[in-house]
C-alpha atoms as a PDB file:
ATOM      1  CA  MET A   1       0.000   0.000   0.000  1.00  0.00           C
ATOM      2  CA  ASN A   2       1.435   3.392  -0.935  1.00  0.00           C
ATOM      3  CA  LYS A   3       1.913   6.117   1.675  1.00  0.00           C
ATOM      4  CA  GLN A   4      -1.082   8.182   0.546  1.00  0.00           C
ATOM      5  CA  ARG A   5      -3.468   5.208   0.687  1.00  0.00           C
ATOM      6  CA  MET A   6      -2.018   4.149   4.040  1.00  0.00           C
ATOM      7  CA  GLY A   7      -2.538   7.683   5.362  1.00  0.00           C
ATOM      8  CA  THR A   8      -6.121   7.699   4.114  1.00  0.00           C
ATOM      9  CA  ALA A   9      -6.785   4.297   5.670  1.00  0.00           C
ATOM     10  CA  THR A  10      -5.321   5.497   8.961  1.00  0.00           C
ATOM     11  CA  LEU A  11      -7.455   8.661   8.879  1.00  0.00           C
ATOM     12  CA  CYS A  12     -10.617   6.682   8.141  1.00  0.00           C
ATOM     13  CA  ALA A  13      -9.877   4.179  10.893  1.00  0.00           C
ATOM     14  CA  ALA A  14      -9.256   6.992  13.372  1.00  0.00           C
ATOM     15  CA  LEU A  15     -12.445   8.830  12.437  1.00  0.00           C
ATOM     16  CA  VAL A  16     -14.575   5.705  12.613  1.00  0.00           C
ATOM     17  CA  ALA A  17     -13.040   4.471  15.853  1.00  0.00           C
ATOM     18  CA  ALA A  18     -13.364   7.812  17.637  1.00  0.00           C
ATOM     19  CA  PRO A  19     -16.902   8.278  18.938  1.00  0.00           C
ATOM     20  CA  ILE A  20     -18.580  11.601  18.284  1.00  0.00           C
ATOM     21  CA  PRO A  21     -19.275  13.122  21.704  1.00  0.00           C
ATOM     22  CA  VAL A  22     -22.954  13.529  22.483  1.00  0.00           C
ATOM     23  CA  HIS A  23     -23.289  15.028  25.950  1.00  0.00           C
ATOM     24  CA  ALA A  24     -26.786  16.485  26.115  1.00  0.00           C
ATOM     25  CA  GLN A  25     -28.801  15.069  28.971  1.00  0.00           C
ATOM     26  CA  GLY A  26     -31.906  13.255  27.926  1.00  0.00           C
ATOM     27  CA  ILE A  27     -30.594  12.530  24.440  1.00  0.00           C
ATOM     28  CA  ASP A  28     -32.204   9.548  22.801  1.00  0.00           C
ATOM     29  CA  PRO A  29     -29.942   6.486  23.249  1.00  0.00           C
ATOM     30  CA  GLY A  30     -30.527   5.527  19.611  1.00  0.00           C
ATOM     31  CA  GLN A  31     -29.408   8.970  18.485  1.00  0.00           C
ATOM     32  CA  ARG A  32     -26.267   8.601  20.603  1.00  0.00           C
ATOM     33  CA  GLU A  33     -25.560   5.174  19.070  1.00  0.00           C
ATOM     34  CA  TYR A  34     -26.130   6.584  15.601  1.00  0.00           C
ATOM     35  CA  ALA A  35     -23.815   9.544  16.228  1.00  0.00           C
ATOM     36  CA  ASN A  36     -21.104   7.240  17.603  1.00  0.00           C
ATOM     37  CA  SER A  37     -21.395   4.375  15.117  1.00  0.00           C
ATOM     38  CA  CYS A  38     -23.038   5.501  11.891  1.00  0.00           C
ATOM     39  CA  ALA A  39     -22.946   9.254  11.253  1.00  0.00           C
ATOM     40  CA  VAL A  40     -19.302   9.391  10.230  1.00  0.00           C
ATOM     41  CA  CYS A  41     -20.235   7.485   7.040  1.00  0.00           C
ATOM     42  CA  HIS A  42     -24.022   7.813   6.680  1.00  0.00           C
ATOM     43  CA  GLY A  43     -24.159  11.472   7.716  1.00  0.00           C
ATOM     44  CA  GLU A  44     -25.985  13.291  10.469  1.00  0.00           C
ATOM     45  CA  ARG A  45     -29.379  12.804   8.810  1.00  0.00           C
ATOM     46  CA  GLY A  46     -28.726   9.376   7.252  1.00  0.00           C
ATOM     47  CA  LYS A  47     -28.405  10.555   3.649  1.00  0.00           C
ATOM     48  CA  GLY A  48     -25.023   8.865   3.054  1.00  0.00           C
ATOM     49  CA  ASP A  49     -23.085  12.118   3.231  1.00  0.00           C
ATOM     50  CA  GLY A  50     -20.891  11.672   6.307  1.00  0.00           C
ATOM     51  CA  PRO A  51     -17.577  13.494   6.735  1.00  0.00           C
ATOM     52  CA  ILE A  52     -15.421  10.610   5.485  1.00  0.00           C
ATOM     53  CA  VAL A  53     -17.383   9.784   2.306  1.00  0.00           C
ATOM     54  CA  ALA A  54     -14.580  11.115   0.099  1.00  0.00           C
ATOM     55  CA  TYR A  55     -12.222   8.489   1.527  1.00  0.00           C
ATOM     56  CA  LEU A  56     -14.506   5.491   1.037  1.00  0.00           C
ATOM     57  CA  LYS A  57     -14.416   3.061  -1.886  1.00  0.00           C
ATOM     58  CA  THR A  58     -18.175   2.465  -1.655  1.00  0.00           C
ATOM     59  CA  SER A  59     -20.640   5.254  -0.993  1.00  0.00           C
ATOM     60  CA  PRO A  60     -22.700   4.702   2.158  1.00  0.00           C
ATOM     61  CA  GLY A  61     -26.348   3.989   1.563  1.00  0.00           C
ATOM     62  CA  ASP A  62     -29.085   6.541   2.127  1.00  0.00           C
ATOM     63  CA  LEU A  63     -30.709   5.223   5.291  1.00  0.00           C
ATOM     64  CA  THR A  64     -33.699   7.546   4.900  1.00  0.00           C
ATOM     65  CA  ILE A  65     -35.211   5.574   2.004  1.00  0.00           C
ATOM     66  CA  MET A  66     -35.018   2.059   3.433  1.00  0.00           C
ATOM     67  CA  GLN A  67     -38.746   1.959   4.138  1.00  0.00           C
ATOM     68  CA  LYS A  68     -39.600   3.451   0.734  1.00  0.00           C
ATOM     69  CA  ASN A  69     -37.392   0.858  -0.979  1.00  0.00           C
ATOM     70  CA  ASN A  70     -39.146  -1.932   0.951  1.00  0.00           C
ATOM     71  CA  LYS A  71     -42.714  -1.218  -0.260  1.00  0.00           C
ATOM     72  CA  GLY A  72     -43.416   1.190   2.595  1.00  0.00           C
ATOM     73  CA  ILE A  73     -42.450  -1.188   5.393  1.00  0.00           C
ATOM     74  CA  PHE A  74     -39.359  -0.509   7.475  1.00  0.00           C
ATOM     75  CA  PRO A  75     -37.072  -3.583   7.116  1.00  0.00           C
ATOM     76  CA  PHE A  76     -36.577  -4.081  10.855  1.00  0.00           C
ATOM     77  CA  GLY A  77     -35.256  -7.663  10.706  1.00  0.00           C
ATOM     78  CA  ARG A  78     -32.760  -6.941   7.940  1.00  0.00           C
ATOM     79  CA  VAL A  79     -31.465  -3.817   9.732  1.00  0.00           C
ATOM     80  CA  TYR A  80     -31.106  -5.752  13.006  1.00  0.00           C
ATOM     81  CA  GLU A  81     -29.075  -8.483  11.307  1.00  0.00           C
ATOM     82  CA  ILE A  82     -26.804  -5.935   9.624  1.00  0.00           C
ATOM     83  CA  ILE A  83     -26.098  -4.204  12.926  1.00  0.00           C
ATOM     84  CA  ASP A  84     -25.557  -7.402  14.923  1.00  0.00           C
ATOM     85  CA  GLY A  85     -23.302  -8.835  12.197  1.00  0.00           C
ATOM     86  CA  ARG A  86     -25.410 -11.751  10.960  1.00  0.00           C
ATOM     87  CA  THR A  87     -25.831 -10.104   7.561  1.00  0.00           C
ATOM     88  CA  ALA A  88     -22.537  -8.940   6.141  1.00  0.00           C
ATOM     89  CA  VAL A  89     -22.252  -5.594   4.375  1.00  0.00           C
ATOM     90  CA  PRO A  90     -18.891  -5.481   2.573  1.00  0.00           C
ATOM     91  CA  ALA A  91     -18.446  -1.742   3.212  1.00  0.00           C
ATOM     92  CA  HIS A  92     -18.805  -2.361   6.978  1.00  0.00           C
ATOM     93  CA  GLY A  93     -15.739  -4.610   6.991  1.00  0.00           C
ATOM     94  CA  THR A  94     -15.401  -8.248   7.921  1.00  0.00           C
ATOM     95  CA  ARG A  95     -17.304  -9.750  10.826  1.00  0.00           C
ATOM     96  CA  ALA A  96     -13.997 -10.164  12.629  1.00  0.00           C
ATOM     97  CA  MET A  97     -13.399  -6.404  12.482  1.00  0.00           C
ATOM     98  CA  PRO A  98     -16.418  -4.319  11.456  1.00  0.00           C
ATOM     99  CA  VAL A  99     -15.895  -0.568  11.263  1.00  0.00           C
ATOM    100  CA  TRP A 100     -17.614  -0.059  14.591  1.00  0.00           C
ATOM    101  CA  GLY A 101     -15.208  -2.427  16.319  1.00  0.00           C
ATOM    102  CA  ASP A 102     -16.568  -3.892  19.549  1.00  0.00           C
ATOM    103  CA  ARG A 103     -19.517  -1.499  19.970  1.00  0.00           C
ATOM    104  CA  PHE A 104     -22.105  -4.261  19.638  1.00  0.00           C
ATOM    105  CA  LYS A 105     -20.244  -7.189  21.102  1.00  0.00           C
ATOM    106  CA  GLU A 106     -21.396  -8.686  24.373  1.00  0.00           C
ATOM    107  CA  TYR A 107     -18.493  -7.315  26.379  1.00  0.00           C
ATOM    108  CA  ASN A 108     -17.042  -3.842  26.122  1.00  0.00           C
ATOM    109  CA  SER A 109     -15.732  -1.138  28.412  1.00  0.00           C
ATOM    110  CA  GLU A 110     -19.167   0.407  28.927  1.00  0.00           C
ATOM    111  CA  LEU A 111     -20.456  -2.865  30.362  1.00  0.00           C
ATOM    112  CA  ALA A 112     -17.411  -3.096  32.602  1.00  0.00           C
ATOM    113  CA  GLU A 113     -18.120   0.440  33.867  1.00  0.00           C
ATOM    114  CA  LEU A 114     -21.739  -0.469  34.618  1.00  0.00           C
ATOM    115  CA  ARG A 115     -20.619  -3.533  36.560  1.00  0.00           C
ATOM    116  CA  LEU A 116     -18.253  -1.421  38.631  1.00  0.00           C
ATOM    117  CA  LYS A 117     -20.750   1.396  39.162  1.00  0.00           C
ATOM    118  CA  PHE A 118     -23.638  -0.788  40.293  1.00  0.00           C
ATOM    119  CA  GLY A 119     -21.649  -3.646  41.789  1.00  0.00           C
ATOM    120  CA  THR A 120     -23.775  -6.230  40.071  1.00  0.00           C
ATOM    121  CA  ARG A 121     -23.703  -8.482  37.079  1.00  0.00           C
ATOM    122  CA  VAL A 122     -25.124  -6.848  33.966  1.00  0.00           C
ATOM    123  CA  ASP A 123     -26.916  -9.055  31.447  1.00  0.00           C
ATOM    124  CA  SER A 124     -24.580  -8.330  28.553  1.00  0.00           C
ATOM    125  CA  GLU A 125     -26.825  -9.895  25.933  1.00  0.00           C
ATOM    126  CA  ALA A 126     -29.785  -7.753  27.014  1.00  0.00           C
ATOM    127  CA  PHE A 127     -27.547  -4.673  27.157  1.00  0.00           C
ATOM    128  CA  VAL A 128     -26.326  -5.183  23.581  1.00  0.00           C
ATOM    129  CA  ARG A 129     -29.825  -6.003  22.315  1.00  0.00           C
ATOM    130  CA  ASP A 130     -31.164  -2.791  23.888  1.00  0.00           C
ATOM    131  CA  ARG A 131     -28.468  -0.709  22.200  1.00  0.00           C
ATOM    132  CA  ILE A 132     -29.247  -2.274  18.828  1.00  0.00           C
ATOM    133  CA  LEU A 133     -33.000  -1.757  19.267  1.00  0.00           C
ATOM    134  CA  ALA A 134     -32.473   1.886  20.260  1.00  0.00           C
ATOM    135  CA  LEU A 135     -30.355   2.417  17.149  1.00  0.00           C
ATOM    136  CA  ILE A 136     -32.969   0.792  14.915  1.00  0.00           C
ATOM    137  CA  ARG A 137     -35.725   2.943  16.447  1.00  0.00           C
ATOM    138  CA  TYR A 138     -33.662   6.027  15.666  1.00  0.00           C
ATOM    139  CA  ILE A 139     -32.932   4.941  12.072  1.00  0.00           C
ATOM    140  CA  SER A 140     -36.609   4.134  11.520  1.00  0.00           C
ATOM    141  CA  GLY A 141     -37.388   7.716  12.554  1.00  0.00           C
ATOM    142  CA  LEU A 142     -35.113   9.035   9.798  1.00  0.00           C
ATOM    143  CA  GLN A 143     -37.335   7.569   7.071  1.00  0.00           C
ATOM    144  CA  GLU A 144     -38.710   9.933   4.436  1.00  0.00           C
ATOM    145  CA  LYS A 145     -42.435  10.357   4.727  1.00  0.00           C
END
């Protein structure tokens, strides 16, 4: 890989890996997940116009027309399987290392913090499922009417 491509790959990896801070109290958890995991590629409003689009080989899809493209029904099951890794999307990377890294794996630092804070075991599967569902609810709200 030449130096320019390596630099671009490094920049993209850094931008994708670094969560976008969302600090407002009461912010929708799905919106927070979207900002931290999706917006860098799909854009703030889901149109596929995120800040790193120029560096990508494949343009991100427009998430706002998923329902329209599915005969007016939001494709909940398909979206869930894309996020949880059961359905591969080549632009998201391999299942071993998707662009969002460990965000939706059963164990991550946020779970560890919850365990320490509350001094109890956290159901990691339920925690991950809740994050995915919150993200899907947010994406479904981005659909064009």
